[in-house]
Protein backbone atom coordinates (compact mmCIF):
# COMPACT_ATOMS: atom_id res chain seq x y z
CA UNK A 1 0.00 0.00 0.00
CA UNK A 2 1.45 3.38 -1.01
CA UNK A 3 0.95 6.50 1.14
CA UNK A 4 2.12 10.07 0.76
CA UNK A 5 2.97 11.55 4.16
CA UNK A 6 3.43 15.27 4.80
CA UNK A 7 4.94 16.45 8.10
CA UNK A 8 4.39 19.88 9.61
CA UNK A 9 6.34 21.99 12.08
CA UNK A 10 9.24 20.39 13.92
CA UNK A 11 8.12 16.95 12.70
CA UNK A 12 9.75 17.87 9.39
CA UNK A 13 13.09 16.88 10.94
CA UNK A 14 12.09 13.29 10.11
CA UNK A 15 12.12 14.07 6.37
CA UNK A 16 15.18 13.32 4.24
CA UNK A 17 17.09 16.45 3.26
CA UNK A 18 15.48 18.41 0.40
CA UNK A 19 12.20 16.44 0.62
CA UNK A 20 8.75 17.96 1.16
CA UNK A 21 6.99 14.67 1.95
CA UNK A 22 7.50 10.92 2.27
CA UNK A 23 6.35 8.36 -0.28
CA UNK A 24 5.97 5.13 1.67
CA UNK A 25 5.14 1.55 0.73
CA UNK A 26 3.54 -0.12 3.75
CA UNK A 27 1.57 -3.31 4.40
CA UNK A 28 -2.21 -3.18 3.88
CA UNK A 29 -4.02 -2.31 7.11
CA UNK A 30 -1.26 -0.02 8.39
CA UNK A 31 -2.65 2.22 11.14
CA UNK A 32 -1.52 5.70 12.20
CA UNK A 33 0.18 4.18 15.26
CA UNK A 34 2.14 1.79 13.02
CA UNK A 35 3.00 4.62 10.62
CA UNK A 36 4.49 6.67 13.46
CA UNK A 37 6.59 3.68 14.55
CA UNK A 38 7.79 3.20 10.95
CA UNK A 39 8.88 6.85 10.65
CA UNK A 40 10.35 6.91 14.17
CA UNK A 41 8.02 9.53 15.65
CA UNK A 42 6.88 9.21 19.27
CA UNK A 43 3.06 9.46 19.48
CA UNK A 44 3.38 12.26 22.04
CA UNK A 45 4.99 14.44 19.36
CA UNK A 46 1.85 14.36 17.18
CA UNK A 47 -1.31 16.36 17.83
CA UNK A 48 -3.47 15.43 14.82
CA UNK A 49 -3.23 12.87 12.03
CA UNK A 50 -5.34 13.37 8.93
CA UNK A 51 -5.88 11.16 5.90
CA UNK A 52 -7.30 12.96 2.88
CA UNK A 53 -8.10 15.97 5.10
CA UNK A 54 -10.15 13.89 7.58
CA UNK A 55 -8.94 13.30 11.16
CA UNK A 56 -8.19 9.63 11.83
CA UNK A 57 -7.87 7.66 15.05
CA UNK A 58 -4.76 5.67 16.05
CA UNK A 59 -6.36 2.31 15.19
CA UNK A 60 -8.06 3.34 11.91
CA UNK A 61 -6.24 1.70 8.97
CA UNK A 62 -5.15 3.73 5.98
CA UNK A 63 -6.11 2.76 2.43
CA UNK A 64 -4.10 2.68 -0.78
CA UNK A 65 -3.17 6.15 -2.03
CA UNK A 66 -4.07 8.07 1.15
CA UNK A 67 -2.53 11.51 1.59
CA UNK A 68 -1.53 11.64 5.26
CA UNK A 69 -0.72 14.78 7.24
CA UNK A 70 0.98 14.78 10.65
CA UNK A 71 0.69 17.91 12.79
CA UNK A 72 2.64 18.68 15.95
CA UNK A 73 0.99 20.27 19.01
CA UNK A 74 0.68 24.02 18.65
CA UNK A 75 1.34 26.47 21.48
CA UNK A 76 0.94 30.16 21.95
CA UNK A 77 -1.57 32.69 23.07
CA UNK A 78 -2.27 33.46 26.67
C-alpha atoms as a PDB file:
ATOM      1  CA  UNK A   1       0.000   0.000   0.000  1.00  0.00           C
ATOM      2  CA  UNK A   2       1.450   3.377  -1.013  1.00  0.00           C
ATOM      3  CA  UNK A   3       0.954   6.497   1.137  1.00  0.00           C
ATOM      4  CA  UNK A   4       2.118  10.068   0.760  1.00  0.00           C
ATOM      5  CA  UNK A   5       2.973  11.552   4.157  1.00  0.00           C
ATOM      6  CA  UNK A   6       3.433  15.270   4.804  1.00  0.00           C
ATOM      7  CA  UNK A   7       4.945  16.451   8.098  1.00  0.00           C
ATOM      8  CA  UNK A   8       4.394  19.878   9.611  1.00  0.00           C
ATOM      9  CA  UNK A   9       6.341  21.994  12.080  1.00  0.00           C
ATOM     10  CA  UNK A  10       9.237  20.389  13.923  1.00  0.00           C
ATOM     11  CA  UNK A  11       8.122  16.945  12.696  1.00  0.00           C
ATOM     12  CA  UNK A  12       9.748  17.866   9.388  1.00  0.00           C
ATOM     13  CA  UNK A  13      13.088  16.882  10.937  1.00  0.00           C
ATOM     14  CA  UNK A  14      12.089  13.286  10.105  1.00  0.00           C
ATOM     15  CA  UNK A  15      12.124  14.071   6.372  1.00  0.00           C
ATOM     16  CA  UNK A  16      15.175  13.323   4.237  1.00  0.00           C
ATOM     17  CA  UNK A  17      17.089  16.449   3.256  1.00  0.00           C
ATOM     18  CA  UNK A  18      15.476  18.406   0.397  1.00  0.00           C
ATOM     19  CA  UNK A  19      12.201  16.444   0.618  1.00  0.00           C
ATOM     20  CA  UNK A  20       8.752  17.956   1.155  1.00  0.00           C
ATOM     21  CA  UNK A  21       6.990  14.672   1.948  1.00  0.00           C
ATOM     22  CA  UNK A  22       7.505  10.923   2.271  1.00  0.00           C
ATOM     23  CA  UNK A  23       6.345   8.362  -0.281  1.00  0.00           C
ATOM     24  CA  UNK A  24       5.970   5.133   1.671  1.00  0.00           C
ATOM     25  CA  UNK A  25       5.135   1.547   0.726  1.00  0.00           C
ATOM     26  CA  UNK A  26       3.539  -0.115   3.748  1.00  0.00           C
ATOM     27  CA  UNK A  27       1.573  -3.315   4.397  1.00  0.00           C
ATOM     28  CA  UNK A  28      -2.213  -3.176   3.884  1.00  0.00           C
ATOM     29  CA  UNK A  29      -4.021  -2.312   7.110  1.00  0.00           C
ATOM     30  CA  UNK A  30      -1.264  -0.018   8.394  1.00  0.00           C
ATOM     31  CA  UNK A  31      -2.649   2.219  11.143  1.00  0.00           C
ATOM     32  CA  UNK A  32      -1.523   5.698  12.203  1.00  0.00           C
ATOM     33  CA  UNK A  33       0.180   4.185  15.261  1.00  0.00           C
ATOM     34  CA  UNK A  34       2.139   1.789  13.021  1.00  0.00           C
ATOM     35  CA  UNK A  35       3.005   4.620  10.620  1.00  0.00           C
ATOM     36  CA  UNK A  36       4.490   6.672  13.457  1.00  0.00           C
ATOM     37  CA  UNK A  37       6.594   3.681  14.549  1.00  0.00           C
ATOM     38  CA  UNK A  38       7.791   3.195  10.949  1.00  0.00           C
ATOM     39  CA  UNK A  39       8.881   6.846  10.649  1.00  0.00           C
ATOM     40  CA  UNK A  40      10.351   6.914  14.173  1.00  0.00           C
ATOM     41  CA  UNK A  41       8.018   9.528  15.650  1.00  0.00           C
ATOM     42  CA  UNK A  42       6.883   9.209  19.269  1.00  0.00           C
ATOM     43  CA  UNK A  43       3.058   9.460  19.475  1.00  0.00           C
ATOM     44  CA  UNK A  44       3.377  12.264  22.038  1.00  0.00           C
ATOM     45  CA  UNK A  45       4.987  14.444  19.358  1.00  0.00           C
ATOM     46  CA  UNK A  46       1.846  14.360  17.183  1.00  0.00           C
ATOM     47  CA  UNK A  47      -1.313  16.356  17.828  1.00  0.00           C
ATOM     48  CA  UNK A  48      -3.473  15.425  14.818  1.00  0.00           C
ATOM     49  CA  UNK A  49      -3.230  12.866  12.034  1.00  0.00           C
ATOM     50  CA  UNK A  50      -5.337  13.374   8.930  1.00  0.00           C
ATOM     51  CA  UNK A  51      -5.882  11.160   5.897  1.00  0.00           C
ATOM     52  CA  UNK A  52      -7.296  12.960   2.876  1.00  0.00           C
ATOM     53  CA  UNK A  53      -8.103  15.971   5.103  1.00  0.00           C
ATOM     54  CA  UNK A  54     -10.146  13.887   7.583  1.00  0.00           C
ATOM     55  CA  UNK A  55      -8.937  13.302  11.161  1.00  0.00           C
ATOM     56  CA  UNK A  56      -8.186   9.628  11.826  1.00  0.00           C
ATOM     57  CA  UNK A  57      -7.871   7.661  15.050  1.00  0.00           C
ATOM     58  CA  UNK A  58      -4.756   5.669  16.050  1.00  0.00           C
ATOM     59  CA  UNK A  59      -6.360   2.312  15.189  1.00  0.00           C
ATOM     60  CA  UNK A  60      -8.061   3.342  11.912  1.00  0.00           C
ATOM     61  CA  UNK A  61      -6.244   1.698   8.971  1.00  0.00           C
ATOM     62  CA  UNK A  62      -5.151   3.732   5.984  1.00  0.00           C
ATOM     63  CA  UNK A  63      -6.106   2.764   2.435  1.00  0.00           C
ATOM     64  CA  UNK A  64      -4.105   2.680  -0.783  1.00  0.00           C
ATOM     65  CA  UNK A  65      -3.170   6.148  -2.025  1.00  0.00           C
ATOM     66  CA  UNK A  66      -4.075   8.075   1.145  1.00  0.00           C
ATOM     67  CA  UNK A  67      -2.527  11.510   1.586  1.00  0.00           C
ATOM     68  CA  UNK A  68      -1.533  11.638   5.264  1.00  0.00           C
ATOM     69  CA  UNK A  69      -0.718  14.781   7.239  1.00  0.00           C
ATOM     70  CA  UNK A  70       0.980  14.783  10.649  1.00  0.00           C
ATOM     71  CA  UNK A  71       0.687  17.905  12.787  1.00  0.00           C
ATOM     72  CA  UNK A  72       2.636  18.677  15.951  1.00  0.00           C
ATOM     73  CA  UNK A  73       0.991  20.267  19.012  1.00  0.00           C
ATOM     74  CA  UNK A  74       0.677  24.024  18.654  1.00  0.00           C
ATOM     75  CA  UNK A  75       1.339  26.468  21.482  1.00  0.00           C
ATOM     76  CA  UNK A  76       0.942  30.156  21.953  1.00  0.00           C
ATOM     77  CA  UNK A  77      -1.574  32.687  23.070  1.00  0.00           C
ATOM     78  CA  UNK A  78      -2.275  33.457  26.668  1.00  0.00           C
END
